[in-house]
C-alpha atoms as a PDB file:
ATOM      1  CA  MET A   1      -9.229  10.045   0.003  1.00  0.00           C
ATOM      2  CA  ALA A   2     -10.770   7.360  -2.210  1.00  0.00           C
ATOM      3  CA  LYS A   3     -11.216   3.901  -0.787  1.00  0.00           C
ATOM      4  CA  VAL A   4      -9.320   1.370  -2.855  1.00  0.00           C
ATOM      5  CA  ARG A   5     -12.177  -1.105  -2.654  1.00  0.00           C
ATOM      6  CA  SER A   6     -14.601   1.429  -4.133  1.00  0.00           C
ATOM      7  CA  PHE A   7     -13.228   0.886  -7.621  1.00  0.00           C
ATOM      8  CA  ALA A   8     -15.044  -1.778  -9.598  1.00  0.00           C
ATOM      9  CA  VAL A   9     -14.040  -3.886 -12.559  1.00  0.00           C
ATOM     10  CA  ARG A  10     -16.353  -3.382 -15.502  1.00  0.00           C
ATOM     11  CA  GLU A  11     -18.435  -6.438 -16.260  1.00  0.00           C
ATOM     12  CA  SER A  12     -17.021  -6.680 -19.787  1.00  0.00           C
ATOM     13  CA  LEU A  13     -13.526  -7.097 -18.355  1.00  0.00           C
ATOM     14  CA  ALA A  14     -14.564  -9.335 -15.486  1.00  0.00           C
ATOM     15  CA  GLY A  15     -15.892 -12.025 -17.806  1.00  0.00           C
ATOM     16  CA  THR A  16     -12.756 -12.325 -19.935  1.00  0.00           C
ATOM     17  CA  THR A  17     -10.917 -14.720 -17.606  1.00  0.00           C
ATOM     18  CA  ARG A  18     -10.852 -18.232 -19.021  1.00  0.00           C
ATOM     19  CA  GLY A  19     -11.926 -21.085 -16.758  1.00  0.00           C
ATOM     20  CA  GLN A  20      -8.444 -22.606 -16.551  1.00  0.00           C
ATOM     21  CA  ASP A  21      -6.987 -19.265 -15.493  1.00  0.00           C
ATOM     22  CA  GLN A  22      -9.451 -18.756 -12.646  1.00  0.00           C
ATOM     23  CA  PRO A  23      -7.332 -20.308  -9.848  1.00  0.00           C
ATOM     24  CA  ALA A  24      -4.388 -18.056 -10.752  1.00  0.00           C
ATOM     25  CA  ALA A  25      -6.701 -15.042 -10.956  1.00  0.00           C
ATOM     26  CA  ASP A  26      -8.264 -15.899  -7.597  1.00  0.00           C
ATOM     27  CA  ALA A  27      -4.824 -16.211  -5.985  1.00  0.00           C
ATOM     28  CA  LEU A  28      -3.809 -12.828  -7.375  1.00  0.00           C
ATOM     29  CA  VAL A  29      -7.026 -11.227  -6.126  1.00  0.00           C
ATOM     30  CA  ALA A  30      -6.428 -12.685  -2.656  1.00  0.00           C
ATOM     31  CA  ALA A  31      -2.838 -11.406  -2.617  1.00  0.00           C
ATOM     32  CA  ILE A  32      -3.928  -7.918  -3.675  1.00  0.00           C
ATOM     33  CA  ARG A  33      -6.704  -7.832  -1.069  1.00  0.00           C
ATOM     34  CA  LYS A  34      -4.242  -8.901   1.632  1.00  0.00           C
ATOM     35  CA  THR A  35      -1.966  -6.028   0.605  1.00  0.00           C
ATOM     36  CA  VAL A  36      -4.858  -3.554   0.602  1.00  0.00           C
ATOM     37  CA  ASP A  37      -5.988  -4.729   4.048  1.00  0.00           C
ATOM     38  CA  ALA A  38      -2.488  -4.178   5.427  1.00  0.00           C
ATOM     39  CA  LEU A  39      -2.315  -0.714   3.846  1.00  0.00           C
ATOM     40  CA  GLU A  40      -5.713   0.248   5.239  1.00  0.00           C
ATOM     41  CA  GLY A  41      -4.623  -0.923   8.692  1.00  0.00           C
ATOM     42  CA  ALA A  42      -1.429   1.118   8.434  1.00  0.00           C
ATOM     43  CA  ALA A  43      -3.429   4.170   7.370  1.00  0.00           C
ATOM     44  CA  GLU A  44      -5.748   3.806  10.354  1.00  0.00           C
ATOM     45  CA  GLU A  45      -2.808   3.554  12.754  1.00  0.00           C
ATOM     46  CA  ALA A  46      -1.107   6.549  11.158  1.00  0.00           C
ATOM     47  CA  GLY A  47      -4.348   8.505  11.441  1.00  0.00           C
ATOM     48  CA  LYS A  48      -4.351   7.807  15.179  1.00  0.00           C
ATOM     49  CA  GLY A  49      -0.786   9.065  15.430  1.00  0.00           C
ATOM     50  CA  MET A  50       0.548   5.575  16.151  1.00  0.00           C
ATOM     51  CA  LEU A  51       3.565   5.592  13.871  1.00  0.00           C
ATOM     52  CA  GLY A  52       5.144   2.349  15.121  1.00  0.00           C
ATOM     53  CA  PRO A  53       2.140   0.187  14.221  1.00  0.00           C
ATOM     54  CA  ALA A  54       1.714   2.168  10.976  1.00  0.00           C
ATOM     55  CA  LYS A  55       5.317   1.387  10.015  1.00  0.00           C
ATOM     56  CA  LEU A  56       4.760  -2.298  10.800  1.00  0.00           C
ATOM     57  CA  GLY A  57       1.606  -2.264   8.668  1.00  0.00           C
ATOM     58  CA  LEU A  58       3.548  -0.772   5.769  1.00  0.00           C
ATOM     59  CA  LEU A  59       6.216  -3.447   6.109  1.00  0.00           C
ATOM     60  CA  VAL A  60       3.557  -6.164   6.053  1.00  0.00           C
ATOM     61  CA  ALA A  61       1.885  -4.548   3.023  1.00  0.00           C
ATOM     62  CA  THR A  62       5.218  -4.345   1.215  1.00  0.00           C
ATOM     63  CA  SER A  63       5.898  -8.005   1.921  1.00  0.00           C
ATOM     64  CA  CYS A  64       2.425  -8.946   0.660  1.00  0.00           C
ATOM     65  CA  LEU A  65       2.937  -6.871  -2.481  1.00  0.00           C
ATOM     66  CA  ILE A  66       6.261  -8.583  -3.182  1.00  0.00           C
ATOM     67  CA  ASP A  67       4.552 -11.968  -2.741  1.00  0.00           C
ATOM     68  CA  ALA A  68       1.801 -10.914  -5.178  1.00  0.00           C
ATOM     69  CA  LEU A  69       4.320  -9.731  -7.766  1.00  0.00           C
ATOM     70  CA  GLU A  70       6.295 -12.960  -7.462  1.00  0.00           C
ATOM     71  CA  ALA A  71       3.102 -14.983  -7.913  1.00  0.00           C
ATOM     72  CA  VAL A  72       2.291 -13.056 -11.081  1.00  0.00           C
ATOM     73  CA  ASP A  73       5.842 -13.563 -12.327  1.00  0.00           C
ATOM     74  CA  VAL A  74       5.617 -17.314 -11.707  1.00  0.00           C
ATOM     75  CA  GLU A  75       2.244 -17.504 -13.472  1.00  0.00           C
ATOM     76  CA  PHE A  76       3.566 -15.629 -16.515  1.00  0.00           C
ATOM     77  CA  ALA A  77       6.594 -17.930 -16.606  1.00  0.00           C
ATOM     78  CA  ARG A  78       4.356 -20.988 -16.340  1.00  0.00           C
ATOM     79  CA  ARG A  79       2.202 -19.830 -19.229  1.00  0.00           C
ATOM     80  CA  SER A  80       5.146 -18.953 -21.441  1.00  0.00           C
ATOM     81  CA  GLY A  81       7.178 -22.021 -20.518  1.00  0.00           C
ATOM     82  CA  THR A  82      10.157 -20.033 -19.266  1.00  0.00           C
ATOM     83  CA  THR A  83      11.828 -19.696 -15.889  1.00  0.00           C
ATOM     84  CA  THR A  84      12.449 -16.362 -14.235  1.00  0.00           C
ATOM     85  CA  ARG A  85      14.432 -17.377 -11.171  1.00  0.00           C
ATOM     86  CA  SER A  86      17.753 -19.105 -10.920  1.00  0.00           C
ATOM     87  CA  ASP A  87      17.633 -20.255  -7.278  1.00  0.00           C
END
């Protein structure tokens, strides 16, 4: 199985982020890494046959992924000047 962290962003793509967008990009990277960490932890627990902790790890990863998607949605809305939520 391939390690998620083994994939690299090509340098030509990595340099395309504008300076003003860097905080949003950094927040997204942190949210994705948090999700990946939770998934890796769940995989380790599942590999040990510990299904309860693996299930908890998957729930945490799912929550982190939802948070990351919401952050991206908010950032897109901010850039376009629209709102996406009605609460």
